[in-house]
Every structure is written in structure tokens, then in C-alpha cells.
């Protein structure tokens, strides 16, 4: 049999339709998903809502899907990427996670030492908005304002933004 015949035979085989659980597992193998996100993705792929919910339940029972694990990983990833607690909390809430799961994710951050929000904010300001040697007062205020705006967009609270943009923690 030539390679062309083998290729034609492979193409002619009907593709077996995946079950909702197989589709859910295929998504979870790539990365963690929240329960809500996984159900949404399955229904977007044409799976009925009740079948999607049953598949997600099955994945959760087997340990493949865990909202707590998802929240902890996402929170740590965002914190390490320089996002503040307000931004992280909003993103976790957008995934349909409850307050208890979110609080557990922040406790996990604290235990890992990734919750030094003021230090993170100050490091970002030092890196992105360095002080020029010949900077006048107007340029200083402009730099501080830009730094504060940046930190607010990143999800840091008002006190942290004020302290970090004022460069109170100089080396």
C-alpha cells in the first residue's frame, strides 16, 4: 500500500464525536478553568447546558476541575505579573468564584509571600518611572502623577498608590 492510499484511508475514517466529559477534559489539560468558565466554553461548543454542567461536575468529582486551585493559580500569576489586589479580586469575581474561594486564594498568596503589595508597587514605580538627576519640581509632579495613574490601573489601593508614587521607600 502506498503512502497516498494510507493517507486516503485515514481521511475517510469518520471522526468519533467526543463526549461532553472528553471535551471538558481536553480543555482542562491545557490549563485550569473555573467551573463557570468551563461550562461556558462547553455550551459555546454546542453542548447542551445540562450536559455541560454534568460534565463539569464529573471533572470536579475526579479532581480535574477545582475552583480553589484555579483561584490560587490565577491570583499568584497576576500578583507576580505586577497586578494589585483590587484588580486580582475583580478578575476572580468575574470567573464566578465565591468570596470564600477568593479569600482562600489571597491567604495562599500571603503564605507564599507574594502579597507584599507596597513593595511590588514601589518596585514597579522605580523600574518604570526612574528619577532623572536634573529633574525639576514640575517634572517630579508629572512623573509622580503618571506613576500613580499606572498603579491605579494595575489595581492597587489608594494608600499603596500614594505611598509608592511618593517614593517614600527610597533605597
N, C-alpha and C. Protein backbone atom coordinates (compact mmCIF):
# COMPACT_ATOMS: atom_id res chain seq x y z
N UNK A 1 0.85 -1.17 0.00
CA UNK A 1 0.00 0.00 0.00
C UNK A 1 0.90 1.24 0.00
N UNK A 2 0.58 2.17 -0.89
CA UNK A 2 1.38 3.39 -0.97
C UNK A 2 0.98 4.36 0.14
N UNK A 3 1.80 5.37 0.34
CA UNK A 3 1.50 6.37 1.38
C UNK A 3 0.26 7.17 1.04
N UNK A 4 -0.01 7.36 -0.25
CA UNK A 4 -1.22 8.07 -0.66
C UNK A 4 -2.47 7.29 -0.28
N UNK A 5 -2.40 5.94 -0.43
CA UNK A 5 -3.54 5.10 -0.05
C UNK A 5 -3.77 5.15 1.47
N UNK A 6 -2.69 5.12 2.23
CA UNK A 6 -2.81 5.17 3.69
C UNK A 6 -3.39 6.51 4.13
N UNK A 7 -2.97 7.58 3.50
CA UNK A 7 -3.49 8.91 3.83
C UNK A 7 -4.96 9.00 3.49
N UNK A 8 -5.35 8.44 2.33
CA UNK A 8 -6.75 8.47 1.92
C UNK A 8 -7.60 7.65 2.89
N UNK A 9 -7.08 6.53 3.39
CA UNK A 9 -7.83 5.72 4.34
C UNK A 9 -8.02 6.45 5.66
N UNK A 10 -7.00 7.15 6.12
CA UNK A 10 -7.11 7.90 7.36
C UNK A 10 -8.16 9.00 7.24
N UNK A 11 -8.17 9.66 6.10
CA UNK A 11 -9.11 10.75 5.90
C UNK A 11 -10.54 10.25 5.77
N UNK A 12 -10.71 9.03 5.28
CA UNK A 12 -12.06 8.53 5.06
C UNK A 12 -12.70 8.00 6.34
N UNK A 13 -11.90 7.78 7.39
CA UNK A 13 -12.48 7.30 8.65
C UNK A 13 -13.32 8.40 9.27
N UNK A 14 -14.50 8.04 9.68
CA UNK A 14 -15.32 9.06 10.34
C UNK A 14 -14.73 9.38 11.71
N UNK A 15 -14.74 10.64 12.03
CA UNK A 15 -14.21 11.09 13.31
C UNK A 15 -15.26 10.84 14.39
N UNK A 16 -14.84 10.17 15.47
CA UNK A 16 -15.75 9.89 16.56
C UNK A 16 -16.05 11.18 17.31
N UNK A 17 -17.30 11.40 17.57
CA UNK A 17 -17.73 12.60 18.31
C UNK A 17 -17.30 12.44 19.77
N UNK A 18 -16.70 13.50 20.33
CA UNK A 18 -16.28 13.47 21.72
C UNK A 18 -17.47 13.69 22.64
N UNK A 19 -17.44 13.05 23.77
CA UNK A 19 -18.48 13.25 24.77
C UNK A 19 -18.22 14.60 25.46
N UNK A 20 -19.23 15.14 26.13
CA UNK A 20 -19.01 16.39 26.87
C UNK A 20 -17.88 16.27 27.90
N UNK A 21 -17.77 15.14 28.56
CA UNK A 21 -16.70 14.94 29.54
C UNK A 21 -15.33 14.93 28.86
N UNK A 22 -15.24 14.33 27.69
CA UNK A 22 -13.96 14.32 26.96
C UNK A 22 -13.58 15.73 26.52
N UNK A 23 -14.57 16.50 26.08
CA UNK A 23 -14.29 17.89 25.71
C UNK A 23 -13.84 18.72 26.91
N UNK A 24 -14.50 18.51 28.04
CA UNK A 24 -14.13 19.23 29.26
C UNK A 24 -12.71 18.87 29.66
N UNK A 25 -12.38 17.61 29.62
CA UNK A 25 -11.04 17.16 29.98
C UNK A 25 -10.00 17.73 29.02
N UNK A 26 -10.32 17.79 27.75
CA UNK A 26 -9.40 18.36 26.77
C UNK A 26 -9.10 19.83 27.09
N UNK A 27 -10.11 20.55 27.54
CA UNK A 27 -9.89 21.95 27.93
C UNK A 27 -9.05 22.04 29.20
N UNK A 28 -9.32 21.17 30.16
CA UNK A 28 -8.61 21.22 31.43
C UNK A 28 -7.16 20.76 31.32
N UNK A 29 -6.86 19.94 30.33
CA UNK A 29 -5.48 19.50 30.14
C UNK A 29 -4.61 20.68 29.72
N UNK A 30 -5.17 21.61 28.98
CA UNK A 30 -4.41 22.77 28.51
C UNK A 30 -4.09 23.75 29.63
N UNK A 31 -5.10 24.03 30.49
CA UNK A 31 -4.91 24.96 31.62
C UNK A 31 -6.09 24.83 32.57
N UNK A 32 -5.94 25.40 33.76
CA UNK A 32 -7.02 25.40 34.74
C UNK A 32 -8.16 26.29 34.25
N UNK A 33 -9.38 25.91 34.60
CA UNK A 33 -10.57 26.71 34.29
C UNK A 33 -11.45 26.74 35.52
N UNK A 34 -12.17 27.83 35.69
CA UNK A 34 -13.18 27.86 36.74
C UNK A 34 -14.39 27.06 36.26
N UNK A 35 -15.23 26.68 37.20
CA UNK A 35 -16.43 25.92 36.86
C UNK A 35 -17.27 26.70 35.84
N UNK A 36 -17.49 27.98 36.12
CA UNK A 36 -18.32 28.82 35.24
C UNK A 36 -17.72 28.93 33.85
N UNK A 37 -16.41 29.15 33.78
CA UNK A 37 -15.73 29.30 32.50
C UNK A 37 -15.79 28.01 31.69
N UNK A 38 -15.60 26.89 32.36
CA UNK A 38 -15.64 25.60 31.67
C UNK A 38 -17.03 25.31 31.12
N UNK A 39 -18.07 25.57 31.91
CA UNK A 39 -19.44 25.37 31.42
C UNK A 39 -19.73 26.27 30.22
N UNK A 40 -19.28 27.52 30.30
CA UNK A 40 -19.49 28.47 29.20
C UNK A 40 -18.81 27.98 27.92
N UNK A 41 -17.58 27.51 28.04
CA UNK A 41 -16.86 27.04 26.86
C UNK A 41 -17.52 25.80 26.26
N UNK A 42 -18.01 24.93 27.09
CA UNK A 42 -18.67 23.73 26.57
C UNK A 42 -19.96 24.08 25.85
N UNK A 43 -20.77 24.98 26.42
CA UNK A 43 -22.01 25.36 25.75
C UNK A 43 -21.72 26.11 24.46
N UNK A 44 -20.63 26.86 24.42
CA UNK A 44 -20.25 27.56 23.19
C UNK A 44 -19.85 26.57 22.09
N UNK A 45 -19.45 25.37 22.49
CA UNK A 45 -19.09 24.34 21.52
C UNK A 45 -20.26 23.44 21.15
N UNK A 46 -21.46 23.87 21.51
CA UNK A 46 -22.65 23.16 21.08
C UNK A 46 -23.17 22.10 22.04
N UNK A 47 -22.64 22.05 23.22
CA UNK A 47 -23.10 21.07 24.20
C UNK A 47 -24.25 21.70 24.99
N UNK A 48 -25.30 20.92 25.21
CA UNK A 48 -26.44 21.41 25.98
C UNK A 48 -26.00 21.80 27.38
N UNK A 49 -26.68 22.81 27.95
CA UNK A 49 -26.30 23.34 29.26
C UNK A 49 -26.29 22.26 30.35
N UNK A 50 -27.31 21.41 30.38
CA UNK A 50 -27.36 20.38 31.43
C UNK A 50 -26.27 19.33 31.24
N UNK A 51 -25.92 19.03 29.99
CA UNK A 51 -24.83 18.09 29.72
C UNK A 51 -23.48 18.70 30.10
N UNK A 52 -23.34 20.00 29.83
CA UNK A 52 -22.10 20.69 30.19
C UNK A 52 -21.94 20.71 31.71
N UNK A 53 -23.02 21.01 32.41
CA UNK A 53 -22.96 21.04 33.88
C UNK A 53 -22.61 19.66 34.44
N UNK A 54 -23.20 18.62 33.86
CA UNK A 54 -22.91 17.26 34.31
C UNK A 54 -21.44 16.90 34.05
N UNK A 55 -20.92 17.32 32.90
CA UNK A 55 -19.52 17.04 32.58
C UNK A 55 -18.58 17.76 33.55
N UNK A 56 -18.90 19.01 33.88
CA UNK A 56 -18.08 19.77 34.82
C UNK A 56 -18.17 19.14 36.21
N UNK A 57 -19.35 18.71 36.60
CA UNK A 57 -19.49 18.01 37.88
C UNK A 57 -18.61 16.76 37.93
N UNK A 58 -18.60 16.05 36.84
CA UNK A 58 -17.79 14.82 36.75
C UNK A 58 -16.30 15.15 36.86
N UNK A 59 -15.87 16.23 36.20
CA UNK A 59 -14.47 16.64 36.27
C UNK A 59 -14.09 17.07 37.69
N UNK A 60 -15.01 17.76 38.36
CA UNK A 60 -14.76 18.20 39.74
C UNK A 60 -14.66 17.00 40.68
N UNK A 61 -15.55 16.03 40.51
CA UNK A 61 -15.52 14.83 41.35
C UNK A 61 -14.22 14.06 41.17
N UNK A 62 -13.71 14.05 39.95
CA UNK A 62 -12.47 13.33 39.66
C UNK A 62 -11.23 14.14 40.05
N UNK A 63 -11.42 15.40 40.42
CA UNK A 63 -10.29 16.23 40.82
C UNK A 63 -9.62 16.99 39.69
N UNK A 64 -10.19 16.91 38.50
CA UNK A 64 -9.62 17.61 37.36
C UNK A 64 -9.96 19.09 37.38
N UNK A 65 -11.10 19.44 37.93
CA UNK A 65 -11.52 20.85 38.00
C UNK A 65 -11.71 21.20 39.47
N UNK A 66 -11.06 22.31 39.87
CA UNK A 66 -11.15 22.75 41.26
C UNK A 66 -11.09 24.28 41.27
N UNK A 67 -12.19 24.92 41.69
CA UNK A 67 -12.22 26.38 41.72
C UNK A 67 -11.18 26.96 42.66
N UNK A 68 -10.91 26.30 43.77
CA UNK A 68 -9.91 26.78 44.71
C UNK A 68 -8.52 26.78 44.10
N UNK A 69 -8.17 25.71 43.42
CA UNK A 69 -6.87 25.62 42.76
C UNK A 69 -6.76 26.65 41.64
N UNK A 70 -7.84 26.79 40.87
CA UNK A 70 -7.87 27.78 39.80
C UNK A 70 -7.64 29.18 40.36
N UNK A 71 -8.35 29.53 41.44
CA UNK A 71 -8.25 30.87 42.03
C UNK A 71 -6.84 31.12 42.55
N UNK A 72 -6.25 30.15 43.23
CA UNK A 72 -4.91 30.33 43.78
C UNK A 72 -3.87 30.53 42.67
N UNK A 73 -3.99 29.73 41.61
CA UNK A 73 -3.04 29.87 40.49
C UNK A 73 -3.19 31.21 39.78
N UNK A 74 -4.43 31.61 39.53
CA UNK A 74 -4.67 32.88 38.84
C UNK A 74 -4.20 34.06 39.69
N UNK A 75 -4.51 34.02 40.99
CA UNK A 75 -4.10 35.12 41.87
C UNK A 75 -2.58 35.23 41.92
N UNK A 76 -1.90 34.11 42.05
CA UNK A 76 -0.44 34.15 42.10
C UNK A 76 0.14 34.64 40.78
N UNK A 77 -0.40 34.18 39.69
CA UNK A 77 0.08 34.60 38.37
C UNK A 77 -0.05 36.12 38.20
N UNK A 78 -1.19 36.65 38.59
CA UNK A 78 -1.41 38.09 38.44
C UNK A 78 -0.54 38.90 39.40
N UNK A 79 -0.37 38.42 40.62
CA UNK A 79 0.46 39.12 41.60
C UNK A 79 1.92 39.17 41.13
N UNK A 80 2.41 38.05 40.62
CA UNK A 80 3.78 38.01 40.13
C UNK A 80 3.94 38.90 38.89
N UNK A 81 2.87 39.07 38.13
CA UNK A 81 2.90 39.93 36.93
C UNK A 81 2.77 41.41 37.27
N UNK A 82 2.60 41.74 38.54
CA UNK A 82 2.57 43.14 38.94
C UNK A 82 1.19 43.74 39.12
N UNK A 83 0.17 42.93 39.20
CA UNK A 83 -1.17 43.45 39.42
C UNK A 83 -1.46 43.54 40.91
N UNK A 84 -2.28 44.50 41.27
CA UNK A 84 -2.62 44.73 42.66
C UNK A 84 -3.82 43.92 43.11
N UNK A 85 -4.10 43.96 44.42
CA UNK A 85 -5.17 43.12 44.97
C UNK A 85 -6.56 43.47 44.47
N UNK A 86 -6.81 44.74 44.18
CA UNK A 86 -8.15 45.11 43.69
C UNK A 86 -8.41 44.51 42.32
N UNK A 87 -7.44 44.59 41.45
CA UNK A 87 -7.56 44.03 40.11
C UNK A 87 -7.71 42.51 40.15
N UNK A 88 -6.92 41.88 40.99
CA UNK A 88 -6.97 40.42 41.10
C UNK A 88 -8.33 39.97 41.63
N UNK A 89 -8.84 40.66 42.64
CA UNK A 89 -10.14 40.31 43.22
C UNK A 89 -11.25 40.43 42.17
N UNK A 90 -11.23 41.50 41.39
CA UNK A 90 -12.25 41.71 40.35
C UNK A 90 -12.17 40.60 39.30
N UNK A 91 -10.97 40.24 38.92
CA UNK A 91 -10.83 39.19 37.91
C UNK A 91 -11.34 37.84 38.45
N UNK A 92 -11.02 37.55 39.70
CA UNK A 92 -11.51 36.30 40.28
C UNK A 92 -13.03 36.29 40.38
N UNK A 93 -13.62 37.42 40.75
CA UNK A 93 -15.08 37.52 40.81
C UNK A 93 -15.70 37.34 39.42
N UNK A 94 -15.02 37.82 38.39
CA UNK A 94 -15.55 37.70 37.03
C UNK A 94 -15.62 36.25 36.57
N UNK A 95 -14.87 35.38 37.22
CA UNK A 95 -14.90 33.95 36.89
C UNK A 95 -15.97 33.21 37.68
N UNK A 96 -16.79 33.96 38.41
CA UNK A 96 -17.89 33.34 39.14
C UNK A 96 -17.48 32.66 40.43
N UNK A 97 -16.35 33.07 40.98
CA UNK A 97 -15.87 32.46 42.22
C UNK A 97 -16.47 33.17 43.42
N UNK A 98 -16.77 32.42 44.45
CA UNK A 98 -17.35 32.97 45.66
C UNK A 98 -16.33 33.66 46.54
N UNK A 99 -16.82 34.42 47.49
CA UNK A 99 -15.96 35.20 48.38
C UNK A 99 -15.01 34.30 49.17
N UNK A 100 -15.50 33.16 49.61
CA UNK A 100 -14.65 32.26 50.40
C UNK A 100 -13.48 31.73 49.57
N UNK A 101 -13.74 31.36 48.33
CA UNK A 101 -12.69 30.85 47.44
C UNK A 101 -11.67 31.96 47.18
N UNK A 102 -12.15 33.18 46.97
CA UNK A 102 -11.25 34.31 46.71
C UNK A 102 -10.41 34.60 47.94
N UNK A 103 -11.03 34.61 49.11
CA UNK A 103 -10.28 34.84 50.35
C UNK A 103 -9.21 33.76 50.55
N UNK A 104 -9.54 32.52 50.23
CA UNK A 104 -8.56 31.44 50.33
C UNK A 104 -7.39 31.67 49.38
N UNK A 105 -7.67 32.18 48.19
CA UNK A 105 -6.61 32.46 47.23
C UNK A 105 -5.68 33.55 47.76
N UNK A 106 -6.24 34.58 48.40
CA UNK A 106 -5.41 35.63 48.96
C UNK A 106 -4.62 35.13 50.18
N UNK A 107 -5.20 34.21 50.95
CA UNK A 107 -4.45 33.61 52.06
C UNK A 107 -3.27 32.80 51.51
N UNK A 108 -3.50 32.09 50.41
CA UNK A 108 -2.41 31.33 49.79
C UNK A 108 -1.31 32.26 49.30
N UNK A 109 -1.68 33.42 48.78
CA UNK A 109 -0.67 34.41 48.38
C UNK A 109 0.15 34.87 49.57
N UNK A 110 -0.52 35.13 50.68
CA UNK A 110 0.17 35.58 51.88
C UNK A 110 1.13 34.51 52.40
N UNK A 111 0.69 33.26 52.38
CA UNK A 111 1.53 32.16 52.84
C UNK A 111 2.75 31.99 51.95
N UNK A 112 2.60 32.26 50.65
CA UNK A 112 3.71 32.12 49.71
C UNK A 112 4.61 33.36 49.71
N UNK A 113 4.17 34.41 50.39
CA UNK A 113 4.97 35.63 50.43
C UNK A 113 4.82 36.51 49.21
N UNK A 114 3.77 36.29 48.44
CA UNK A 114 3.57 37.06 47.21
C UNK A 114 2.60 38.22 47.40
N UNK A 115 2.34 38.61 48.64
CA UNK A 115 1.36 39.67 48.88
C UNK A 115 1.99 40.95 49.44
N UNK A 116 3.24 41.20 49.17
CA UNK A 116 3.89 42.45 49.59
C UNK A 116 3.52 43.55 48.62
N UNK A 117 2.27 44.01 48.71
CA UNK A 117 1.72 44.92 47.71
C UNK A 117 2.50 46.22 47.63
N UNK A 118 2.88 46.80 48.76
CA UNK A 118 3.62 48.07 48.74
C UNK A 118 4.99 47.90 48.10
N UNK A 119 5.67 46.83 48.44
CA UNK A 119 6.99 46.58 47.84
C UNK A 119 6.87 46.36 46.34
N UNK A 120 5.84 45.62 45.92
CA UNK A 120 5.63 45.40 44.49
C UNK A 120 5.37 46.71 43.76
N UNK A 121 4.52 47.54 44.36
CA UNK A 121 4.19 48.82 43.73
C UNK A 121 5.43 49.71 43.65
N UNK A 122 6.21 49.77 44.72
CA UNK A 122 7.43 50.59 44.71
C UNK A 122 8.42 50.09 43.66
N UNK A 123 8.58 48.78 43.54
CA UNK A 123 9.48 48.22 42.53
C UNK A 123 9.04 48.61 41.13
N UNK A 124 7.75 48.55 40.87
CA UNK A 124 7.25 48.93 39.55
C UNK A 124 7.50 50.41 39.26
N UNK A 125 7.27 51.24 40.26
CA UNK A 125 7.49 52.68 40.07
C UNK A 125 8.97 52.95 39.81
N UNK A 126 9.85 52.32 40.56
CA UNK A 126 11.30 52.52 40.36
C UNK A 126 11.72 52.09 38.96
N UNK A 127 11.19 50.97 38.49
CA UNK A 127 11.56 50.46 37.17
C UNK A 127 10.99 51.31 36.04
N UNK A 128 9.73 51.70 36.15
CA UNK A 128 9.06 52.38 35.04
C UNK A 128 9.20 53.89 35.05
N UNK A 129 9.42 54.46 36.22
CA UNK A 129 9.47 55.91 36.33
C UNK A 129 10.71 56.34 37.11
N UNK A 130 11.88 56.12 36.52
CA UNK A 130 13.11 56.46 37.25
C UNK A 130 13.25 57.98 37.42
N UNK A 131 13.94 58.36 38.50
CA UNK A 131 14.15 59.77 38.79
C UNK A 131 15.34 60.26 37.97
N UNK A 132 15.13 61.36 37.24
CA UNK A 132 16.20 61.96 36.47
C UNK A 132 17.04 62.84 37.39
N UNK A 133 18.35 62.91 37.14
CA UNK A 133 19.26 63.68 38.00
C UNK A 133 18.93 65.17 38.00
N UNK A 134 18.53 65.68 36.85
CA UNK A 134 18.26 67.12 36.73
C UNK A 134 16.76 67.43 36.73
N UNK A 135 15.98 66.61 37.39
CA UNK A 135 14.53 66.76 37.38
C UNK A 135 14.08 67.97 38.21
N UNK A 136 13.26 68.81 37.59
CA UNK A 136 12.74 69.97 38.33
C UNK A 136 11.43 69.58 39.02
N UNK A 137 10.86 70.48 39.78
CA UNK A 137 9.67 70.21 40.57
C UNK A 137 8.49 69.83 39.68
N UNK A 138 8.31 70.54 38.59
CA UNK A 138 7.19 70.25 37.70
C UNK A 138 7.31 68.85 37.10
N UNK A 139 8.52 68.47 36.68
CA UNK A 139 8.74 67.14 36.12
C UNK A 139 8.53 66.06 37.18
N UNK A 140 8.92 66.36 38.43
CA UNK A 140 8.73 65.40 39.51
C UNK A 140 7.24 65.13 39.72
N UNK A 141 6.44 66.20 39.76
CA UNK A 141 4.99 66.03 39.97
C UNK A 141 4.36 65.28 38.81
N UNK A 142 4.83 65.56 37.61
CA UNK A 142 4.30 64.87 36.44
C UNK A 142 4.63 63.38 36.50
N UNK A 143 5.87 63.05 36.88
CA UNK A 143 6.29 61.66 37.00
C UNK A 143 5.48 60.95 38.10
N UNK A 144 5.29 61.62 39.22
CA UNK A 144 4.52 61.03 40.31
C UNK A 144 3.08 60.77 39.90
N UNK A 145 2.50 61.71 39.14
CA UNK A 145 1.12 61.54 38.68
C UNK A 145 1.00 60.35 37.72
N UNK A 146 1.96 60.23 36.81
CA UNK A 146 1.95 59.10 35.87
C UNK A 146 2.11 57.78 36.62
N UNK A 147 2.99 57.77 37.61
CA UNK A 147 3.20 56.56 38.40
C UNK A 147 1.92 56.19 39.15
N UNK A 148 1.27 57.18 39.74
CA UNK A 148 0.03 56.93 40.48
C UNK A 148 -1.05 56.40 39.54
N UNK A 149 -1.20 57.00 38.37
CA UNK A 149 -2.20 56.54 37.40
C UNK A 149 -1.93 55.09 36.99
N UNK A 150 -0.66 54.79 36.77
CA UNK A 150 -0.27 53.43 36.38
C UNK A 150 -0.66 52.43 37.47
N UNK A 151 -0.36 52.76 38.71
CA UNK A 151 -0.66 51.84 39.81
C UNK A 151 -2.17 51.67 40.02
N UNK A 152 -2.93 52.72 39.83
CA UNK A 152 -4.38 52.62 39.94
C UNK A 152 -4.91 51.67 38.86
N UNK A 153 -4.41 51.81 37.64
CA UNK A 153 -4.85 50.92 36.56
C UNK A 153 -4.46 49.47 36.85
N UNK A 154 -3.39 49.26 37.58
CA UNK A 154 -2.93 47.92 37.92
C UNK A 154 -3.70 47.31 39.09
N UNK A 155 -4.52 48.11 39.77
CA UNK A 155 -5.36 47.56 40.82
C UNK A 155 -4.82 47.67 42.23
N UNK A 156 -4.01 48.68 42.49
CA UNK A 156 -3.52 48.90 43.85
C UNK A 156 -4.44 49.87 44.57
N UNK A 157 -4.53 49.70 45.89
CA UNK A 157 -5.42 50.56 46.68
C UNK A 157 -4.82 51.97 46.82
N UNK A 158 -5.65 52.90 47.26
CA UNK A 158 -5.29 54.31 47.32
C UNK A 158 -4.06 54.57 48.19
N UNK A 159 -4.00 53.96 49.37
CA UNK A 159 -2.88 54.20 50.27
C UNK A 159 -1.57 53.69 49.66
N UNK A 160 -1.61 52.52 49.07
CA UNK A 160 -0.41 51.95 48.42
C UNK A 160 0.03 52.83 47.26
N UNK A 161 -0.92 53.31 46.48
CA UNK A 161 -0.59 54.19 45.34
C UNK A 161 0.06 55.47 45.84
N UNK A 162 -0.53 56.05 46.88
CA UNK A 162 0.01 57.30 47.41
C UNK A 162 1.44 57.11 47.92
N UNK A 163 1.66 56.06 48.67
CA UNK A 163 2.98 55.84 49.25
C UNK A 163 4.02 55.47 48.19
N UNK A 164 3.64 54.61 47.25
CA UNK A 164 4.60 54.17 46.23
C UNK A 164 4.93 55.29 45.24
N UNK A 165 3.96 56.07 44.86
CA UNK A 165 4.21 57.14 43.89
C UNK A 165 4.94 58.31 44.53
N UNK A 166 4.91 58.40 45.87
CA UNK A 166 5.65 59.46 46.58
C UNK A 166 7.08 59.03 46.86
N UNK A 167 7.44 57.80 46.51
CA UNK A 167 8.79 57.28 46.70
C UNK A 167 9.20 57.37 48.17
N UNK A 168 8.29 56.99 49.06
CA UNK A 168 8.59 57.00 50.50
C UNK A 168 9.55 55.90 50.91
N UNK A 169 9.68 54.88 50.09
CA UNK A 169 10.56 53.76 50.45
C UNK A 169 11.84 53.82 49.61
N UNK A 170 12.52 54.91 49.64
CA UNK A 170 13.77 55.02 48.87
C UNK A 170 14.81 54.06 49.40
N UNK A 171 15.68 53.60 48.53
CA UNK A 171 16.77 52.69 48.95
C UNK A 171 17.81 53.46 49.73
